[in-house]
Amino acid sequence: MMHAPDVIEVINALGSASVDVWVHGGWGIDALLGEQTRAHDDLDVIIRADDVKALIRVTRELGFAMMTDELPKSL
């Protein structure tokens, strides 16, 4: 389960690593609405291809694991 504090932690950590991130999917909709509308199992983000290694490093440091590796389009 992905909770709002987890989302904020990931976005802040990526920002600290100079990774520009755009949130989409369920959390992106919730951000636009200004409230969480349902439970979420994941966080969908868009990043630049050059930032993939940083994304993997940062999320691992936060204790997250890659469940599906479909590089170069999805992980």
PDB file of N, CA and C in Angstrom:
ATOM      1  N   MET A   1       0.848  -1.175   0.000  1.00  0.00           N
ATOM      2  CA  MET A   1       0.000   0.000   0.000  1.00  0.00           C
ATOM      3  C   MET A   1       0.896   1.241   0.000  1.00  0.00           C
ATOM      4  N   MET A   2       0.542   2.198  -0.792  1.00  0.00           N
ATOM      5  CA  MET A   2       1.290   3.457  -0.885  1.00  0.00           C
ATOM      6  C   MET A   2       0.456   4.538  -0.215  1.00  0.00           C
ATOM      7  N   HIS A   3       1.010   5.135   0.838  1.00  0.00           N
ATOM      8  CA  HIS A   3       0.299   6.161   1.598  1.00  0.00           C
ATOM      9  C   HIS A   3       0.819   7.548   1.226  1.00  0.00           C
ATOM     10  N   ALA A   4       0.009   8.568   1.484  1.00  0.00           N
ATOM     11  CA  ALA A   4       0.373   9.947   1.134  1.00  0.00           C
ATOM     12  C   ALA A   4       1.745  10.352   1.677  1.00  0.00           C
ATOM     13  N   PRO A   5       2.081  10.042   2.945  1.00  0.00           N
ATOM     14  CA  PRO A   5       3.423  10.407   3.426  1.00  0.00           C
ATOM     15  C   PRO A   5       4.547   9.736   2.621  1.00  0.00           C
ATOM     16  N   ASP A   6       4.294   8.514   2.122  1.00  0.00           N
ATOM     17  CA  ASP A   6       5.285   7.831   1.277  1.00  0.00           C
ATOM     18  C   ASP A   6       5.499   8.593  -0.027  1.00  0.00           C
ATOM     19  N   VAL A   7       4.403   9.053  -0.616  1.00  0.00           N
ATOM     20  CA  VAL A   7       4.476   9.805  -1.875  1.00  0.00           C
ATOM     21  C   VAL A   7       5.306  11.069  -1.677  1.00  0.00           C
ATOM     22  N   ILE A   8       5.012  11.791  -0.618  1.00  0.00           N
ATOM     23  CA  ILE A   8       5.744  13.029  -0.327  1.00  0.00           C
ATOM     24  C   ILE A   8       7.217  12.736  -0.090  1.00  0.00           C
ATOM     25  N   GLU A   9       7.512  11.659   0.642  1.00  0.00           N
ATOM     26  CA  GLU A   9       8.904  11.290   0.915  1.00  0.00           C
ATOM     27  C   GLU A   9       9.653  10.982  -0.383  1.00  0.00           C
ATOM     28  N   VAL A  10       9.033  10.221  -1.269  1.00  0.00           N
ATOM     29  CA  VAL A  10       9.672   9.870  -2.540  1.00  0.00           C
ATOM     30  C   VAL A  10       9.902  11.115  -3.390  1.00  0.00           C
ATOM     31  N   ILE A  11       8.885  11.947  -3.523  1.00  0.00           N
ATOM     32  CA  ILE A  11       9.016  13.156  -4.346  1.00  0.00           C
ATOM     33  C   ILE A  11      10.089  14.082  -3.783  1.00  0.00           C
ATOM     34  N   ASN A  12      10.109  14.262  -2.469  1.00  0.00           N
ATOM     35  CA  ASN A  12      11.131  15.113  -1.851  1.00  0.00           C
ATOM     36  C   ASN A  12      12.532  14.537  -2.035  1.00  0.00           C
ATOM     37  N   ALA A  13      12.678  13.225  -1.869  1.00  0.00           N
ATOM     38  CA  ALA A  13      13.990  12.591  -2.027  1.00  0.00           C
ATOM     39  C   ALA A  13      14.476  12.704  -3.469  1.00  0.00           C
ATOM     40  N   LEU A  14      13.574  12.525  -4.425  1.00  0.00           N
ATOM     41  CA  LEU A  14      13.966  12.672  -5.829  1.00  0.00           C
ATOM     42  C   LEU A  14      14.358  14.112  -6.130  1.00  0.00           C
ATOM     43  N   GLY A  15      13.624  15.058  -5.577  1.00  0.00           N
ATOM     44  CA  GLY A  15      13.975  16.467  -5.748  1.00  0.00           C
ATOM     45  C   GLY A  15      15.346  16.775  -5.178  1.00  0.00           C
ATOM     46  N   SER A  16      15.649  16.199  -4.006  1.00  0.00           N
ATOM     47  CA  SER A  16      16.967  16.402  -3.387  1.00  0.00           C
ATOM     48  C   SER A  16      18.084  15.810  -4.234  1.00  0.00           C
ATOM     49  N   ALA A  17      17.744  14.794  -5.032  1.00  0.00           N
ATOM     50  CA  ALA A  17      18.722  14.169  -5.926  1.00  0.00           C
ATOM     51  C   ALA A  17      18.711  14.826  -7.309  1.00  0.00           C
ATOM     52  N   SER A  18      18.054  15.981  -7.416  1.00  0.00           N
ATOM     53  CA  SER A  18      17.962  16.743  -8.670  1.00  0.00           C
ATOM     54  C   SER A  18      17.253  15.987  -9.786  1.00  0.00           C
ATOM     55  N   VAL A  19      16.290  15.143  -9.403  1.00  0.00           N
ATOM     56  CA  VAL A  19      15.482  14.420 -10.384  1.00  0.00           C
ATOM     57  C   VAL A  19      14.147  15.146 -10.514  1.00  0.00           C
ATOM     58  N   ASP A  20      13.869  15.649 -11.722  1.00  0.00           N
ATOM     59  CA  ASP A  20      12.555  16.239 -11.988  1.00  0.00           C
ATOM     60  C   ASP A  20      11.555  15.101 -12.112  1.00  0.00           C
ATOM     61  N   VAL A  21      10.432  15.230 -11.428  1.00  0.00           N
ATOM     62  CA  VAL A  21       9.444  14.151 -11.418  1.00  0.00           C
ATOM     63  C   VAL A  21       8.051  14.723 -11.646  1.00  0.00           C
ATOM     64  N   TRP A  22       7.297  14.032 -12.478  1.00  0.00           N
ATOM     65  CA  TRP A  22       5.903  14.386 -12.732  1.00  0.00           C
ATOM     66  C   TRP A  22       5.060  13.208 -12.279  1.00  0.00           C
ATOM     67  N   VAL A  23       4.101  13.467 -11.405  1.00  0.00           N
ATOM     68  CA  VAL A  23       3.239  12.414 -10.870  1.00  0.00           C
ATOM     69  C   VAL A  23       2.031  12.257 -11.789  1.00  0.00           C
ATOM     70  N   HIS A  24       1.719  11.012 -12.124  1.00  0.00           N
ATOM     71  CA  HIS A  24       0.512  10.763 -12.916  1.00  0.00           C
ATOM     72  C   HIS A  24      -0.198   9.542 -12.349  1.00  0.00           C
ATOM     73  N   GLY A  25      -1.177   9.039 -13.028  1.00  0.00           N
ATOM     74  CA  GLY A  25      -1.936   7.908 -12.509  1.00  0.00           C
ATOM     75  C   GLY A  25      -2.826   8.347 -11.359  1.00  0.00           C
ATOM     76  N   GLY A  26      -3.133   7.417 -10.485  1.00  0.00           N
ATOM     77  CA  GLY A  26      -4.044   7.687  -9.378  1.00  0.00           C
ATOM     78  C   GLY A  26      -3.611   8.813  -8.468  1.00  0.00           C
ATOM     79  N   TRP A  27      -2.335   8.817  -8.069  1.00  0.00           N
ATOM     80  CA  TRP A  27      -1.852   9.892  -7.199  1.00  0.00           C
ATOM     81  C   TRP A  27      -1.853  11.226  -7.921  1.00  0.00           C
ATOM     82  N   GLY A  28      -1.610  11.227  -9.222  1.00  0.00           N
ATOM     83  CA  GLY A  28      -1.661  12.469  -9.993  1.00  0.00           C
ATOM     84  C   GLY A  28      -3.058  13.064 -10.000  1.00  0.00           C
ATOM     85  N   ILE A  29      -4.057  12.208 -10.173  1.00  0.00           N
ATOM     86  CA  ILE A  29      -5.448  12.674 -10.125  1.00  0.00           C
ATOM     87  C   ILE A  29      -5.776  13.210  -8.740  1.00  0.00           C
ATOM     88  N   ASP A  30      -5.371  12.461  -7.708  1.00  0.00           N
ATOM     89  CA  ASP A  30      -5.634  12.912  -6.340  1.00  0.00           C
ATOM     90  C   ASP A  30      -4.972  14.257  -6.060  1.00  0.00           C
ATOM     91  N   ALA A  31      -3.766  14.454  -6.581  1.00  0.00           N
ATOM     92  CA  ALA A  31      -3.079  15.736  -6.379  1.00  0.00           C
ATOM     93  C   ALA A  31      -3.869  16.874  -7.015  1.00  0.00           C
ATOM     94  N   LEU A  32      -4.405  16.636  -8.195  1.00  0.00           N
ATOM     95  CA  LEU A  32      -5.210  17.664  -8.859  1.00  0.00           C
ATOM     96  C   LEU A  32      -6.500  17.953  -8.097  1.00  0.00           C
ATOM     97  N   LEU A  33      -7.083  16.917  -7.501  1.00  0.00           N
ATOM     98  CA  LEU A  33      -8.324  17.085  -6.740  1.00  0.00           C
ATOM     99  C   LEU A  33      -8.087  17.631  -5.337  1.00  0.00           C
ATOM    100  N   GLY A  34      -6.836  17.511  -4.863  1.00  0.00           N
ATOM    101  CA  GLY A  34      -6.504  18.008  -3.530  1.00  0.00           C
ATOM    102  C   GLY A  34      -6.909  17.080  -2.403  1.00  0.00           C
ATOM    103  N   GLU A  35      -7.196  15.814  -2.728  1.00  0.00           N
ATOM    104  CA  GLU A  35      -7.544  14.836  -1.698  1.00  0.00           C
ATOM    105  C   GLU A  35      -7.325  13.428  -2.233  1.00  0.00           C
ATOM    106  N   GLN A  36      -7.078  12.505  -1.312  1.00  0.00           N
ATOM    107  CA  GLN A  36      -6.926  11.110  -1.701  1.00  0.00           C
ATOM    108  C   GLN A  36      -8.316  10.510  -1.895  1.00  0.00           C
ATOM    109  N   THR A  37      -8.564   9.966  -3.079  1.00  0.00           N
ATOM    110  CA  THR A  37      -9.893   9.458  -3.419  1.00  0.00           C
ATOM    111  C   THR A  37     -10.037   7.954  -3.246  1.00  0.00           C
ATOM    112  N   ARG A  38      -8.906   7.252  -3.158  1.00  0.00           N
ATOM    113  CA  ARG A  38      -8.941   5.796  -3.014  1.00  0.00           C
ATOM    114  C   ARG A  38      -7.580   5.314  -2.536  1.00  0.00           C
ATOM    115  N   ALA A  39      -7.504   4.042  -2.179  1.00  0.00           N
ATOM    116  CA  ALA A  39      -6.227   3.440  -1.795  1.00  0.00           C
ATOM    117  C   ALA A  39      -5.378   3.213  -3.052  1.00  0.00           C
ATOM    118  N   HIS A  40      -4.067   3.339  -2.891  1.00  0.00           N
ATOM    119  CA  HIS A  40      -3.140   3.160  -4.015  1.00  0.00           C
ATOM    120  C   HIS A  40      -2.088   2.117  -3.656  1.00  0.00           C
ATOM    121  N   ASP A  41      -1.766   1.268  -4.614  1.00  0.00           N
ATOM    122  CA  ASP A  41      -0.724   0.262  -4.418  1.00  0.00           C
ATOM    123  C   ASP A  41       0.638   0.721  -4.903  1.00  0.00           C
ATOM    124  N   ASP A  42       0.667   1.812  -5.686  1.00  0.00           N
ATOM    125  CA  ASP A  42       1.930   2.246  -6.276  1.00  0.00           C
ATOM    126  C   ASP A  42       1.911   3.748  -6.508  1.00  0.00           C
ATOM    127  N   LEU A  43       3.017   4.235  -7.014  1.00  0.00           N
ATOM    128  CA  LEU A  43       3.167   5.642  -7.377  1.00  0.00           C
ATOM    129  C   LEU A  43       3.674   5.685  -8.812  1.00  0.00           C
ATOM    130  N   ASP A  44       2.891   6.271  -9.697  1.00  0.00           N
ATOM    131  CA  ASP A  44       3.275   6.395 -11.104  1.00  0.00           C
ATOM    132  C   ASP A  44       3.928   7.753 -11.318  1.00  0.00           C
ATOM    133  N   VAL A  45       5.155   7.737 -11.834  1.00  0.00           N
ATOM    134  CA  VAL A  45       5.865   8.986 -12.098  1.00  0.00           C
ATOM    135  C   VAL A  45       6.473   8.951 -13.492  1.00  0.00           C
ATOM    136  N   ILE A  46       6.704  10.131 -14.002  1.00  0.00           N
ATOM    137  CA  ILE A  46       7.436  10.303 -15.257  1.00  0.00           C
ATOM    138  C   ILE A  46       8.726  11.031 -14.910  1.00  0.00           C
ATOM    139  N   ILE A  47       9.841  10.523 -15.422  1.00  0.00           N
ATOM    140  CA  ILE A  47      11.143  11.159 -15.219  1.00  0.00           C
ATOM    141  C   ILE A  47      11.873  11.178 -16.553  1.00  0.00           C
ATOM    142  N   ARG A  48      12.950  11.924 -16.586  1.00  0.00           N
ATOM    143  CA  ARG A  48      13.806  11.923 -17.778  1.00  0.00           C
ATOM    144  C   ARG A  48      14.603  10.612 -17.813  1.00  0.00           C
ATOM    145  N   ALA A  49      14.860  10.119 -19.007  1.00  0.00           N
ATOM    146  CA  ALA A  49      15.603   8.867 -19.163  1.00  0.00           C
ATOM    147  C   ALA A  49      16.961   8.927 -18.472  1.00  0.00           C
ATOM    148  N   ASP A  50      17.592  10.085 -18.479  1.00  0.00           N
ATOM    149  CA  ASP A  50      18.905  10.237 -17.841  1.00  0.00           C
ATOM    150  C   ASP A  50      18.843  10.070 -16.325  1.00  0.00           C
ATOM    151  N   ASP A  51      17.646  10.122 -15.744  1.00  0.00           N
ATOM    152  CA  ASP A  51      17.499  10.056 -14.289  1.00  0.00           C
ATOM    153  C   ASP A  51      17.098   8.679 -13.770  1.00  0.00           C
ATOM    154  N   VAL A  52      17.040   7.669 -14.644  1.00  0.00           N
ATOM    155  CA  VAL A  52      16.595   6.340 -14.218  1.00  0.00           C
ATOM    156  C   VAL A  52      17.484   5.783 -13.111  1.00  0.00           C
ATOM    157  N   LYS A  53      18.800   5.864 -13.272  1.00  0.00           N
ATOM    158  CA  LYS A  53      19.702   5.325 -12.247  1.00  0.00           C
ATOM    159  C   LYS A  53      19.506   6.027 -10.914  1.00  0.00           C
ATOM    160  N   ALA A  54      19.318   7.331 -10.940  1.00  0.00           N
ATOM    161  CA  ALA A  54      19.088   8.081  -9.700  1.00  0.00           C
ATOM    162  C   ALA A  54      17.763   7.673  -9.064  1.00  0.00           C
ATOM    163  N   LEU A  55      16.730   7.475  -9.873  1.00  0.00           N
ATOM    164  CA  LEU A  55      15.437   7.031  -9.353  1.00  0.00           C
ATOM    165  C   LEU A  55      15.573   5.686  -8.647  1.00  0.00           C
ATOM    166  N   ILE A  56      16.259   4.750  -9.279  1.00  0.00           N
ATOM    167  CA  ILE A  56      16.455   3.429  -8.678  1.00  0.00           C
ATOM    168  C   ILE A  56      17.229   3.548  -7.376  1.00  0.00           C
ATOM    169  N   ARG A  57      18.306   4.332  -7.377  1.00  0.00           N
ATOM    170  CA  ARG A  57      19.114   4.501  -6.165  1.00  0.00           C
ATOM    171  C   ARG A  57      18.291   5.108  -5.036  1.00  0.00           C
ATOM    172  N   VAL A  58      17.591   6.189  -5.322  1.00  0.00           N
ATOM    173  CA  VAL A  58      16.820   6.897  -4.294  1.00  0.00           C
ATOM    174  C   VAL A  58      15.721   6.011  -3.728  1.00  0.00           C
ATOM    175  N   THR A  59      14.980   5.339  -4.598  1.00  0.00           N
ATOM    176  CA  THR A  59      13.880   4.514  -4.091  1.00  0.00           C
ATOM    177  C   THR A  59      14.396   3.317  -3.301  1.00  0.00           C
ATOM    178  N   ARG A  60      15.523   2.752  -3.698  1.00  0.00           N
ATOM    179  CA  ARG A  60      16.122   1.661  -2.903  1.00  0.00           C
ATOM    180  C   ARG A  60      16.556   2.172  -1.536  1.00  0.00           C
ATOM    181  N   GLU A  61      17.151   3.361  -1.497  1.00  0.00           N
ATOM    182  CA  GLU A  61      17.564   3.942  -0.216  1.00  0.00           C
ATOM    183  C   GLU A  61      16.369   4.166   0.709  1.00  0.00           C
ATOM    184  N   LEU A  62      15.202   4.395   0.129  1.00  0.00           N
ATOM    185  CA  LEU A  62      13.984   4.596   0.918  1.00  0.00           C
ATOM    186  C   LEU A  62      13.313   3.275   1.293  1.00  0.00           C
ATOM    187  N   GLY A  63      13.878   2.165   0.825  1.00  0.00           N
ATOM    188  CA  GLY A  63      13.345   0.857   1.187  1.00  0.00           C
ATOM    189  C   GLY A  63      12.356   0.261   0.202  1.00  0.00           C
ATOM    190  N   PHE A  64      12.230   0.878  -0.973  1.00  0.00           N
ATOM    191  CA  PHE A  64      11.330   0.346  -1.988  1.00  0.00           C
ATOM    192  C   PHE A  64      12.085  -0.625  -2.884  1.00  0.00           C
ATOM    193  N   ALA A  65      11.364  -1.583  -3.454  1.00  0.00           N
ATOM    194  CA  ALA A  65      11.970  -2.568  -4.340  1.00  0.00           C
ATOM    195  C   ALA A  65      11.292  -2.521  -5.701  1.00  0.00           C
ATOM    196  N   MET A  66      12.070  -2.811  -6.749  1.00  0.00           N
ATOM    197  CA  MET A  66      11.525  -2.867  -8.096  1.00  0.00           C
ATOM    198  C   MET A  66      10.746  -4.171  -8.241  1.00  0.00           C
ATOM    199  N   MET A  67       9.487  -4.071  -8.604  1.00  0.00           N
ATOM    200  CA  MET A  67       8.647  -5.252  -8.769  1.00  0.00           C
ATOM    201  C   MET A  67       8.641  -5.739 -10.218  1.00  0.00           C
ATOM    202  N   THR A  68       8.687  -4.810 -11.153  1.00  0.00           N
ATOM    203  CA  THR A  68       8.659  -5.140 -12.573  1.00  0.00           C
ATOM    204  C   THR A  68       9.696  -4.283 -13.284  1.00  0.00           C
ATOM    205  N   ASP A  69      10.525  -4.910 -14.075  1.00  0.00           N
ATOM    206  CA  ASP A  69      11.535  -4.184 -14.838  1.00  0.00           C
ATOM    207  C   ASP A  69      11.204  -4.320 -16.313  1.00  0.00           C
ATOM    208  N   GLU A  70      10.678  -3.249 -16.883  1.00  0.00           N
ATOM    209  CA  GLU A  70      10.371  -3.217 -18.311  1.00  0.00           C
ATOM    210  C   GLU A  70      11.141  -2.069 -18.961  1.00  0.00           C
ATOM    211  N   LEU A  71      12.384  -1.873 -18.505  1.00  0.00           N
ATOM    212  CA  LEU A  71      13.202  -0.814 -19.076  1.00  0.00           C
ATOM    213  C   LEU A  71      13.329  -1.023 -20.575  1.00  0.00           C
ATOM    214  N   PRO A  72      13.341   0.000 -21.378  1.00  0.00           N
ATOM    215  CA  PRO A  72      13.518   1.393 -20.994  1.00  0.00           C
ATOM    216  C   PRO A  72      12.221   2.159 -20.768  1.00  0.00           C
ATOM    217  N   LYS A  73      11.058   1.539 -20.872  1.00  0.00           N
ATOM    218  CA  LYS A  73       9.823   2.319 -20.769  1.00  0.00           C
ATOM    219  C   LYS A  73       9.180   2.297 -19.399  1.00  0.00           C
ATOM    220  N   SER A  74       9.421   1.300 -18.600  1.00  0.00           N
ATOM    221  CA  SER A  74       8.722   1.175 -17.322  1.00  0.00           C
ATOM    222  C   SER A  74       9.538   0.338 -16.356  1.00  0.00           C
ATOM    223  N   LEU A  75       9.443   0.694 -15.069  1.00  0.00           N
ATOM    224  CA  LEU A  75      10.039  -0.150 -14.036  1.00  0.00           C
ATOM    225  C   LEU A  75       9.249  -0.004 -12.773  1.00  0.00           C
TER     226      LEU A  75
END
